[in-house]
């Protein structure tokens, strides 16, 4: 485990919540600027087994596990959601990806819903800049900089909202409040999230309470921990090659960030203390 990662966790525990988030965002910015992550399409743990078409279709075939996780969230979980734009989402005109990073998930959404206007929003200016350049050839896609706790959109702006991992960093309460605000009545919110030391049943209770608070109905809550951990283990060789290109002294920190074997985060999965799950809900 890296000294920098342990030091960061110790400092973070003693900070007020707003400063904890600021520190996490600063690290997020630095990793995009200093690591080869900016040359990838995704920045998530993935879902195993990887599925077609992502195993064969460029550019997703370089990171099919990560593309599959996005597809599970924005396609598989939402297809039979009441008010969800029809069986294939054909009625969704406006779709939002919260925490879009480099735009990989936006590209998955465009593949699944080519008729839709798709917006990606991320707090990281470096990621937004890269995403805009990559996707400027697709007129129906726009990438904006913005904070998930205060989304730069009017109420009732989107038919469907999806997100992979952002709620873990934003906090479930703030994430769901803002997502529900900008979602149109009858619209679908689908996202994945990960936590440590909380049972699935406990998290399910939190989801139910937050959905009731924000005027949305639960459609599905699915435990995906086994699939996410399998993807992390399967993806070790690719991640190791990327980490070997991270500048010293950030390389050891990157090992922890990428959940590599031997790190604290990897061990949390081994010990059964890590939980990943996906939520799909519909706004009343």
C-alpha atoms as a PDB file:
ATOM      1  CA  UNK A   1       0.000   0.000   0.000  1.00  0.00           C
ATOM      2  CA  UNK A   2       1.420   3.382  -0.972  1.00  0.00           C
ATOM      3  CA  UNK A   3       2.531   5.905   1.634  1.00  0.00           C
ATOM      4  CA  UNK A   4       0.707   8.669  -0.247  1.00  0.00           C
ATOM      5  CA  UNK A   5      -2.565   6.725  -0.242  1.00  0.00           C
ATOM      6  CA  UNK A   6      -2.380   5.958   3.495  1.00  0.00           C
ATOM      7  CA  UNK A   7      -1.470   9.581   4.250  1.00  0.00           C
ATOM      8  CA  UNK A   8      -4.371  10.831   2.134  1.00  0.00           C
ATOM      9  CA  UNK A   9      -6.877   8.583   3.964  1.00  0.00           C
ATOM     10  CA  UNK A  10      -5.600   9.684   7.372  1.00  0.00           C
ATOM     11  CA  UNK A  11      -5.808  13.365   6.449  1.00  0.00           C
ATOM     12  CA  UNK A  12      -9.190  12.952   4.799  1.00  0.00           C
ATOM     13  CA  UNK A  13     -10.780  11.336   7.869  1.00  0.00           C
ATOM     14  CA  UNK A  14      -9.939  14.405   9.964  1.00  0.00           C
ATOM     15  CA  UNK A  15     -11.310  16.975   7.517  1.00  0.00           C
ATOM     16  CA  UNK A  16     -14.849  18.399   7.404  1.00  0.00           C
ATOM     17  CA  UNK A  17     -17.012  16.807   4.715  1.00  0.00           C
ATOM     18  CA  UNK A  18     -16.695  19.727   2.244  1.00  0.00           C
ATOM     19  CA  UNK A  19     -12.896  19.646   2.473  1.00  0.00           C
ATOM     20  CA  UNK A  20     -12.885  15.857   2.101  1.00  0.00           C
ATOM     21  CA  UNK A  21     -14.707  16.289  -1.214  1.00  0.00           C
ATOM     22  CA  UNK A  22     -12.312  19.049  -2.303  1.00  0.00           C
ATOM     23  CA  UNK A  23      -9.325  16.805  -1.600  1.00  0.00           C
ATOM     24  CA  UNK A  24     -10.900  13.922  -3.523  1.00  0.00           C
ATOM     25  CA  UNK A  25     -11.595  16.209  -6.486  1.00  0.00           C
ATOM     26  CA  UNK A  26      -8.019  17.552  -6.450  1.00  0.00           C
ATOM     27  CA  UNK A  27      -6.651  14.001  -6.648  1.00  0.00           C
ATOM     28  CA  UNK A  28      -9.122  13.204  -9.426  1.00  0.00           C
ATOM     29  CA  UNK A  29      -7.885  16.218 -11.404  1.00  0.00           C
ATOM     30  CA  UNK A  30      -4.232  15.299 -10.874  1.00  0.00           C
ATOM     31  CA  UNK A  31      -4.681  11.694 -11.998  1.00  0.00           C
ATOM     32  CA  UNK A  32      -6.127  12.827 -15.317  1.00  0.00           C
ATOM     33  CA  UNK A  33      -3.304  15.300 -15.875  1.00  0.00           C
ATOM     34  CA  UNK A  34      -0.402  13.101 -14.786  1.00  0.00           C
ATOM     35  CA  UNK A  35      -1.431   9.577 -15.759  1.00  0.00           C
ATOM     36  CA  UNK A  36      -2.162   7.704 -19.004  1.00  0.00           C
ATOM     37  CA  UNK A  37      -5.817   7.517 -17.894  1.00  0.00           C
ATOM     38  CA  UNK A  38      -6.507  10.505 -20.164  1.00  0.00           C
ATOM     39  CA  UNK A  39      -5.764   8.279 -23.170  1.00  0.00           C
ATOM     40  CA  UNK A  40      -8.441   5.740 -22.215  1.00  0.00           C
ATOM     41  CA  UNK A  41     -12.188   5.854 -22.792  1.00  0.00           C
ATOM     42  CA  UNK A  42     -13.313   4.903 -19.286  1.00  0.00           C
ATOM     43  CA  UNK A  43     -12.353   5.343 -15.645  1.00  0.00           C
ATOM     44  CA  UNK A  44     -14.408   2.652 -13.928  1.00  0.00           C
ATOM     45  CA  UNK A  45     -13.898  -0.837 -12.486  1.00  0.00           C
ATOM     46  CA  UNK A  46     -15.839  -2.715 -15.171  1.00  0.00           C
ATOM     47  CA  UNK A  47     -18.297  -5.601 -15.209  1.00  0.00           C
ATOM     48  CA  UNK A  48     -17.429  -9.229 -16.022  1.00  0.00           C
ATOM     49  CA  UNK A  49     -18.138 -11.043 -18.208  1.00  0.00           C
ATOM     50  CA  UNK A  50     -17.656  -8.518 -20.991  1.00  0.00           C
ATOM     51  CA  UNK A  51     -20.409  -8.708 -23.570  1.00  0.00           C
ATOM     52  CA  UNK A  52     -20.943  -8.040 -27.264  1.00  0.00           C
ATOM     53  CA  UNK A  53     -20.907  -5.649 -29.016  1.00  0.00           C
ATOM     54  CA  UNK A  54     -18.307  -4.068 -26.704  1.00  0.00           C
ATOM     55  CA  UNK A  55     -15.836  -6.935 -27.118  1.00  0.00           C
ATOM     56  CA  UNK A  56     -15.742  -6.342 -30.869  1.00  0.00           C
ATOM     57  CA  UNK A  57     -16.749  -2.736 -31.572  1.00  0.00           C
ATOM     58  CA  UNK A  58     -14.044  -0.037 -31.639  1.00  0.00           C
ATOM     59  CA  UNK A  59     -13.142   1.920 -29.567  1.00  0.00           C
ATOM     60  CA  UNK A  60     -14.849  -0.115 -26.839  1.00  0.00           C
ATOM     61  CA  UNK A  61     -12.960  -3.315 -27.658  1.00  0.00           C
ATOM     62  CA  UNK A  62      -9.900  -1.903 -25.847  1.00  0.00           C
ATOM     63  CA  UNK A  63     -11.918  -1.637 -22.603  1.00  0.00           C
ATOM     64  CA  UNK A  64     -14.870  -4.009 -23.022  1.00  0.00           C
ATOM     65  CA  UNK A  65     -15.315  -4.667 -19.284  1.00  0.00           C
ATOM     66  CA  UNK A  66     -15.765  -0.956 -18.633  1.00  0.00           C
ATOM     67  CA  UNK A  67     -18.142  -0.502 -21.579  1.00  0.00           C
ATOM     68  CA  UNK A  68     -20.195  -3.464 -20.353  1.00  0.00           C
ATOM     69  CA  UNK A  69     -20.689  -1.824 -16.936  1.00  0.00           C
ATOM     70  CA  UNK A  70     -22.063   1.297 -18.618  1.00  0.00           C
ATOM     71  CA  UNK A  71     -24.315  -0.818 -20.797  1.00  0.00           C
ATOM     72  CA  UNK A  72     -25.722  -2.655 -17.785  1.00  0.00           C
ATOM     73  CA  UNK A  73     -26.608   0.656 -16.148  1.00  0.00           C
ATOM     74  CA  UNK A  74     -28.039   2.602 -19.076  1.00  0.00           C
ATOM     75  CA  UNK A  75     -29.524  -0.226 -21.163  1.00  0.00           C
ATOM     76  CA  UNK A  76     -30.201  -3.493 -19.360  1.00  0.00           C
ATOM     77  CA  UNK A  77     -31.564  -2.044 -16.109  1.00  0.00           C
ATOM     78  CA  UNK A  78     -33.784   0.491 -17.870  1.00  0.00           C
ATOM     79  CA  UNK A  79     -35.375  -1.467 -20.709  1.00  0.00           C
ATOM     80  CA  UNK A  80     -38.505  -2.501 -18.816  1.00  0.00           C
ATOM     81  CA  UNK A  81     -38.778   0.536 -16.531  1.00  0.00           C
ATOM     82  CA  UNK A  82     -42.275   2.012 -16.496  1.00  0.00           C
ATOM     83  CA  UNK A  83     -42.316   5.307 -18.374  1.00  0.00           C
ATOM     84  CA  UNK A  84     -38.867   4.501 -19.699  1.00  0.00           C
ATOM     85  CA  UNK A  85     -39.258   5.720 -23.258  1.00  0.00           C
ATOM     86  CA  UNK A  86     -40.473   2.453 -24.713  1.00  0.00           C
ATOM     87  CA  UNK A  87     -38.756  -0.938 -24.759  1.00  0.00           C
ATOM     88  CA  UNK A  88     -35.738   0.455 -26.620  1.00  0.00           C
ATOM     89  CA  UNK A  89     -35.725   3.987 -25.202  1.00  0.00           C
ATOM     90  CA  UNK A  90     -36.888   5.406 -28.528  1.00  0.00           C
ATOM     91  CA  UNK A  91     -38.929   8.117 -26.795  1.00  0.00           C
ATOM     92  CA  UNK A  92     -35.963   9.487 -24.857  1.00  0.00           C
ATOM     93  CA  UNK A  93     -35.025  12.769 -26.525  1.00  0.00           C
ATOM     94  CA  UNK A  94     -32.583  14.071 -23.891  1.00  0.00           C
ATOM     95  CA  UNK A  95     -30.140  11.868 -21.960  1.00  0.00           C
ATOM     96  CA  UNK A  96     -27.586  12.936 -19.319  1.00  0.00           C
ATOM     97  CA  UNK A  97     -24.433  11.192 -18.063  1.00  0.00           C
ATOM     98  CA  UNK A  98     -23.403  12.532 -14.637  1.00  0.00           C
ATOM     99  CA  UNK A  99     -19.648  12.154 -14.130  1.00  0.00           C
ATOM    100  CA  UNK A 100     -18.955  11.469 -17.793  1.00  0.00           C
ATOM    101  CA  UNK A 101     -15.164  11.607 -17.493  1.00  0.00           C
ATOM    102  CA  UNK A 102     -13.541  11.220 -20.890  1.00  0.00           C
ATOM    103  CA  UNK A 103     -16.837  10.451 -22.613  1.00  0.00           C
ATOM    104  CA  UNK A 104     -16.744   6.658 -22.896  1.00  0.00           C
ATOM    105  CA  UNK A 105     -20.195   6.250 -21.377  1.00  0.00           C
ATOM    106  CA  UNK A 106     -21.575   8.990 -23.609  1.00  0.00           C
ATOM    107  CA  UNK A 107     -20.355   6.997 -26.598  1.00  0.00           C
ATOM    108  CA  UNK A 108     -22.053   3.848 -25.286  1.00  0.00           C
ATOM    109  CA  UNK A 109     -25.274   5.831 -24.874  1.00  0.00           C
ATOM    110  CA  UNK A 110     -24.998   7.194 -28.419  1.00  0.00           C
ATOM    111  CA  UNK A 111     -24.597   3.661 -29.729  1.00  0.00           C
ATOM    112  CA  UNK A 112     -27.697   2.460 -27.844  1.00  0.00           C
ATOM    113  CA  UNK A 113     -29.803   5.591 -28.414  1.00  0.00           C
ATOM    114  CA  UNK A 114     -28.606   7.212 -31.669  1.00  0.00           C
ATOM    115  CA  UNK A 115     -31.780   9.305 -31.938  1.00  0.00           C
ATOM    116  CA  UNK A 116     -31.204  11.096 -28.608  1.00  0.00           C
ATOM    117  CA  UNK A 117     -29.450  14.311 -27.675  1.00  0.00           C
ATOM    118  CA  UNK A 118     -26.833  13.218 -25.145  1.00  0.00           C
ATOM    119  CA  UNK A 119     -25.134  15.452 -22.597  1.00  0.00           C
ATOM    120  CA  UNK A 120     -22.167  14.545 -20.429  1.00  0.00           C
ATOM    121  CA  UNK A 121     -21.189  16.582 -17.373  1.00  0.00           C
ATOM    122  CA  UNK A 122     -18.046  16.278 -15.245  1.00  0.00           C
ATOM    123  CA  UNK A 123     -16.337  18.409 -12.615  1.00  0.00           C
ATOM    124  CA  UNK A 124     -12.879  17.722 -14.116  1.00  0.00           C
ATOM    125  CA  UNK A 125     -11.915  20.363 -16.685  1.00  0.00           C
ATOM    126  CA  UNK A 126      -9.137  18.162 -18.123  1.00  0.00           C
ATOM    127  CA  UNK A 127     -11.516  15.284 -18.743  1.00  0.00           C
ATOM    128  CA  UNK A 128     -14.106  17.631 -20.254  1.00  0.00           C
ATOM    129  CA  UNK A 129     -11.528  19.076 -22.651  1.00  0.00           C
ATOM    130  CA  UNK A 130     -10.470  15.621 -23.844  1.00  0.00           C
ATOM    131  CA  UNK A 131     -14.068  14.430 -24.178  1.00  0.00           C
ATOM    132  CA  UNK A 132     -15.089  17.455 -26.224  1.00  0.00           C
ATOM    133  CA  UNK A 133     -12.240  16.971 -28.693  1.00  0.00           C
ATOM    134  CA  UNK A 134     -12.951  13.259 -29.087  1.00  0.00           C
ATOM    135  CA  UNK A 135     -16.670  13.639 -29.668  1.00  0.00           C
ATOM    136  CA  UNK A 136     -16.884  16.927 -31.579  1.00  0.00           C
ATOM    137  CA  UNK A 137     -17.710  15.011 -34.767  1.00  0.00           C
ATOM    138  CA  UNK A 138     -21.059  13.906 -33.274  1.00  0.00           C
ATOM    139  CA  UNK A 139     -23.467  16.895 -33.315  1.00  0.00           C
ATOM    140  CA  UNK A 140     -25.968  15.276 -30.921  1.00  0.00           C
ATOM    141  CA  UNK A 141     -23.379  15.047 -28.123  1.00  0.00           C
ATOM    142  CA  UNK A 142     -22.229  17.845 -25.841  1.00  0.00           C
ATOM    143  CA  UNK A 143     -19.771  17.692 -22.922  1.00  0.00           C
ATOM    144  CA  UNK A 144     -20.024  20.313 -20.167  1.00  0.00           C
ATOM    145  CA  UNK A 145     -18.100  21.099 -17.013  1.00  0.00           C
ATOM    146  CA  UNK A 146     -20.269  21.098 -13.912  1.00  0.00           C
ATOM    147  CA  UNK A 147     -20.640  19.795 -10.369  1.00  0.00           C
ATOM    148  CA  UNK A 148     -23.064  16.946  -9.684  1.00  0.00           C
ATOM    149  CA  UNK A 149     -24.096  18.673  -6.447  1.00  0.00           C
ATOM    150  CA  UNK A 150     -25.269  21.708  -8.408  1.00  0.00           C
ATOM    151  CA  UNK A 151     -25.994  20.614 -11.967  1.00  0.00           C
ATOM    152  CA  UNK A 152     -26.004  23.443 -14.548  1.00  0.00           C
ATOM    153  CA  UNK A 153     -29.443  22.520 -15.918  1.00  0.00           C
ATOM    154  CA  UNK A 154     -33.013  23.671 -15.394  1.00  0.00           C
ATOM    155  CA  UNK A 155     -35.581  21.519 -13.631  1.00  0.00           C
ATOM    156  CA  UNK A 156     -37.136  18.731 -15.751  1.00  0.00           C
ATOM    157  CA  UNK A 157     -34.465  18.860 -18.489  1.00  0.00           C
ATOM    158  CA  UNK A 158     -33.859  15.154 -19.218  1.00  0.00           C
ATOM    159  CA  UNK A 159     -35.841  12.023 -20.051  1.00  0.00           C
ATOM    160  CA  UNK A 160     -33.137   9.681 -18.842  1.00  0.00           C
ATOM    161  CA  UNK A 161     -30.101  10.094 -16.561  1.00  0.00           C
ATOM    162  CA  UNK A 162     -27.352   7.534 -16.033  1.00  0.00           C
ATOM    163  CA  UNK A 163     -24.112   7.498 -14.070  1.00  0.00           C
ATOM    164  CA  UNK A 164     -21.351   5.039 -13.216  1.00  0.00           C
ATOM    165  CA  UNK A 165     -19.622   5.575  -9.878  1.00  0.00           C
ATOM    166  CA  UNK A 166     -20.210   9.307  -9.437  1.00  0.00           C
ATOM    167  CA  UNK A 167     -22.671   8.895  -6.558  1.00  0.00           C
ATOM    168  CA  UNK A 168     -19.920   7.256  -4.486  1.00  0.00           C
ATOM    169  CA  UNK A 169     -17.905  10.493  -4.553  1.00  0.00           C
ATOM    170  CA  UNK A 170     -20.754  13.003  -4.569  1.00  0.00           C
ATOM    171  CA  UNK A 171     -22.734  11.299  -1.811  1.00  0.00           C
ATOM    172  CA  UNK A 172     -26.035   9.542  -2.417  1.00  0.00           C
ATOM    173  CA  UNK A 173     -28.225  12.236  -0.879  1.00  0.00           C
ATOM    174  CA  UNK A 174     -26.837  15.136  -2.950  1.00  0.00           C
ATOM    175  CA  UNK A 175     -26.545  13.005  -6.074  1.00  0.00           C
ATOM    176  CA  UNK A 176     -30.148  11.817  -6.036  1.00  0.00           C
ATOM    177  CA  UNK A 177     -31.546  15.213  -5.091  1.00  0.00           C
ATOM    178  CA  UNK A 178     -29.937  16.937  -8.091  1.00  0.00           C
ATOM    179  CA  UNK A 179     -30.568  14.073 -10.511  1.00  0.00           C
ATOM    180  CA  UNK A 180     -34.263  13.977  -9.554  1.00  0.00           C
ATOM    181  CA  UNK A 181     -34.506  17.748  -9.948  1.00  0.00           C
ATOM    182  CA  UNK A 182     -33.331  17.787 -13.569  1.00  0.00           C
ATOM    183  CA  UNK A 183     -35.235  14.593 -14.520  1.00  0.00           C
ATOM    184  CA  UNK A 184     -38.631  14.969 -16.210  1.00  0.00           C
ATOM    185  CA  UNK A 185     -41.722  13.284 -14.727  1.00  0.00           C
ATOM    186  CA  UNK A 186     -41.833   9.721 -16.024  1.00  0.00           C
ATOM    187  CA  UNK A 187     -38.095   9.838 -16.696  1.00  0.00           C
ATOM    188  CA  UNK A 188     -35.607   7.164 -15.641  1.00  0.00           C
ATOM    189  CA  UNK A 189     -32.562   7.503 -13.366  1.00  0.00           C
ATOM    190  CA  UNK A 190     -30.093   4.600 -13.445  1.00  0.00           C
ATOM    191  CA  UNK A 191     -26.696   4.535 -11.746  1.00  0.00           C
ATOM    192  CA  UNK A 192     -24.046   2.394 -10.057  1.00  0.00           C
ATOM    193  CA  UNK A 193     -22.426   3.111  -6.715  1.00  0.00           C
ATOM    194  CA  UNK A 194     -19.900   1.490  -4.381  1.00  0.00           C
ATOM    195  CA  UNK A 195     -19.404   1.545  -0.607  1.00  0.00           C
ATOM    196  CA  UNK A 196     -17.387  -0.187   2.110  1.00  0.00           C
ATOM    197  CA  UNK A 197     -18.601  -1.847   5.320  1.00  0.00           C
ATOM    198  CA  UNK A 198     -22.321  -1.597   4.571  1.00  0.00           C
ATOM    199  CA  UNK A 199     -24.477  -4.637   3.862  1.00  0.00           C
ATOM    200  CA  UNK A 200     -26.603  -4.724   0.728  1.00  0.00           C
ATOM    201  CA  UNK A 201     -29.764  -4.773   2.845  1.00  0.00           C
ATOM    202  CA  UNK A 202     -28.623  -1.577   4.598  1.00  0.00           C
ATOM    203  CA  UNK A 203     -27.942   0.145   1.292  1.00  0.00           C
ATOM    204  CA  UNK A 204     -31.303  -0.975  -0.055  1.00  0.00           C
ATOM    205  CA  UNK A 205     -32.944   0.804   2.861  1.00  0.00           C
ATOM    206  CA  UNK A 206     -30.991   3.973   2.092  1.00  0.00           C
ATOM    207  CA  UNK A 207     -32.047   3.804  -1.562  1.00  0.00           C
ATOM    208  CA  UNK A 208     -35.714   3.348  -0.660  1.00  0.00           C
ATOM    209  CA  UNK A 209     -35.638   6.326   1.707  1.00  0.00           C
ATOM    210  CA  UNK A 210     -33.868   8.618  -0.769  1.00  0.00           C
ATOM    211  CA  UNK A 211     -36.202   7.641  -3.598  1.00  0.00           C
ATOM    212  CA  UNK A 212     -39.221   8.473  -1.441  1.00  0.00           C
ATOM    213  CA  UNK A 213     -37.639  11.776  -0.394  1.00  0.00           C
ATOM    214  CA  UNK A 214     -36.956  12.820  -3.995  1.00  0.00           C
ATOM    215  CA  UNK A 215     -40.208  11.738  -5.625  1.00  0.00           C
ATOM    216  CA  UNK A 216     -38.958   8.708  -7.552  1.00  0.00           C
ATOM    217  CA  UNK A 217     -40.071   5.073  -7.452  1.00  0.00           C
ATOM    218  CA  UNK A 218     -37.605   2.207  -7.194  1.00  0.00           C
ATOM    219  CA  UNK A 219     -37.609  -0.077 -10.233  1.00  0.00           C
ATOM    220  CA  UNK A 220     -34.549  -2.245  -9.542  1.00  0.00           C
ATOM    221  CA  UNK A 221     -31.669  -2.433  -7.066  1.00  0.00           C
ATOM    222  CA  UNK A 222     -29.086  -5.044  -8.056  1.00  0.00           C
ATOM    223  CA  UNK A 223     -25.963  -6.247  -6.225  1.00  0.00           C
ATOM    224  CA  UNK A 224     -23.144  -6.296  -8.819  1.00  0.00           C
ATOM    225  CA  UNK A 225     -20.195  -6.735  -6.431  1.00  0.00           C
ATOM    226  CA  UNK A 226     -19.208 -10.176  -7.735  1.00  0.00           C
ATOM    227  CA  UNK A 227     -19.174  -8.984 -11.349  1.00  0.00           C
ATOM    228  CA  UNK A 228     -17.206  -5.819 -10.546  1.00  0.00           C
ATOM    229  CA  UNK A 229     -14.562  -7.679  -8.539  1.00  0.00           C
ATOM    230  CA  UNK A 230     -14.241 -10.286 -11.293  1.00  0.00           C
ATOM    231  CA  UNK A 231     -13.668  -7.467 -13.790  1.00  0.00           C
ATOM    232  CA  UNK A 232     -10.984  -5.892 -11.598  1.00  0.00           C
ATOM    233  CA  UNK A 233      -9.126  -9.212 -11.318  1.00  0.00           C
ATOM    234  CA  UNK A 234      -9.456  -9.890 -15.047  1.00  0.00           C
ATOM    235  CA  UNK A 235      -8.230  -6.405 -15.934  1.00  0.00           C
ATOM    236  CA  UNK A 236      -5.027  -6.516 -13.853  1.00  0.00           C
ATOM    237  CA  UNK A 237      -2.585  -6.913 -16.801  1.00  0.00           C
ATOM    238  CA  UNK A 238      -4.015  -3.916 -18.687  1.00  0.00           C
ATOM    239  CA  UNK A 239      -4.046  -1.748 -15.580  1.00  0.00           C
ATOM    240  CA  UNK A 240      -0.516  -2.744 -14.630  1.00  0.00           C
ATOM    241  CA  UNK A 241       0.748  -1.689 -18.051  1.00  0.00           C
ATOM    242  CA  UNK A 242      -0.937   1.703 -17.633  1.00  0.00           C
ATOM    243  CA  UNK A 243       0.350   2.191 -14.079  1.00  0.00           C
ATOM    244  CA  UNK A 244       3.921   1.499 -15.218  1.00  0.00           C
ATOM    245  CA  UNK A 245       3.616   4.707 -17.256  1.00  0.00           C
ATOM    246  CA  UNK A 246       2.473   6.857 -14.322  1.00  0.00           C
ATOM    247  CA  UNK A 247       5.182   9.304 -13.143  1.00  0.00           C
ATOM    248  CA  UNK A 248       6.954   8.534  -9.885  1.00  0.00           C
ATOM    249  CA  UNK A 249       6.060   9.067  -6.999  1.00  0.00           C
ATOM    250  CA  UNK A 250       2.395   8.734  -8.007  1.00  0.00           C
ATOM    251  CA  UNK A 251       2.799   5.180  -9.276  1.00  0.00           C
ATOM    252  CA  UNK A 252       2.183   3.495  -5.913  1.00  0.00           C
ATOM    253  CA  UNK A 253      -0.823   5.719  -5.359  1.00  0.00           C
ATOM    254  CA  UNK A 254      -2.176   4.687  -8.760  1.00  0.00           C
ATOM    255  CA  UNK A 255      -1.945   1.042  -7.701  1.00  0.00           C
ATOM    256  CA  UNK A 256      -4.357   1.765  -4.854  1.00  0.00           C
ATOM    257  CA  UNK A 257      -6.610   3.924  -7.012  1.00  0.00           C
ATOM    258  CA  UNK A 258      -6.874   1.109  -9.565  1.00  0.00           C
ATOM    259  CA  UNK A 259      -7.735  -1.510  -6.892  1.00  0.00           C
ATOM    260  CA  UNK A 260      -4.713  -3.633  -7.779  1.00  0.00           C
ATOM    261  CA  UNK A 261      -3.884  -6.860  -5.876  1.00  0.00           C
ATOM    262  CA  UNK A 262      -2.095  -6.160  -2.610  1.00  0.00           C
ATOM    263  CA  UNK A 263      -3.814  -2.822  -2.051  1.00  0.00           C
ATOM    264  CA  UNK A 264      -6.309  -1.863   0.631  1.00  0.00           C
ATOM    265  CA  UNK A 265      -9.197  -1.484  -1.796  1.00  0.00           C
ATOM    266  CA  UNK A 266      -8.533  -4.878  -3.417  1.00  0.00           C
ATOM    267  CA  UNK A 267      -8.389  -6.514   0.008  1.00  0.00           C
ATOM    268  CA  UNK A 268     -11.747  -4.983   0.885  1.00  0.00           C
ATOM    269  CA  UNK A 269     -13.238  -7.023  -1.946  1.00  0.00           C
ATOM    270  CA  UNK A 270     -11.395 -10.163  -0.837  1.00  0.00           C
ATOM    271  CA  UNK A 271     -12.671  -9.721   2.732  1.00  0.00           C
ATOM    272  CA  UNK A 272     -16.247  -9.107   1.596  1.00  0.00           C
ATOM    273  CA  UNK A 273     -16.273  -5.528   2.917  1.00  0.00           C
ATOM    274  CA  UNK A 274     -16.761  -3.857  -0.459  1.00  0.00           C
ATOM    275  CA  UNK A 275     -20.182  -3.490  -2.066  1.00  0.00           C
ATOM    276  CA  UNK A 276     -21.129  -2.377  -5.575  1.00  0.00           C
ATOM    277  CA  UNK A 277     -24.723  -2.103  -6.679  1.00  0.00           C
ATOM    278  CA  UNK A 278     -26.869  -0.540  -9.396  1.00  0.00           C
ATOM    279  CA  UNK A 279     -30.134   1.373  -9.006  1.00  0.00           C
ATOM    280  CA  UNK A 280     -32.873   2.122 -11.531  1.00  0.00           C
ATOM    281  CA  UNK A 281     -35.801   4.350 -10.598  1.00  0.00           C
ATOM    282  CA  UNK A 282     -38.584   6.348 -12.273  1.00  0.00           C
ATOM    283  CA  UNK A 283     -39.660   9.891 -11.418  1.00  0.00           C
ATOM    284  CA  UNK A 284     -43.320  10.288 -10.482  1.00  0.00           C
END
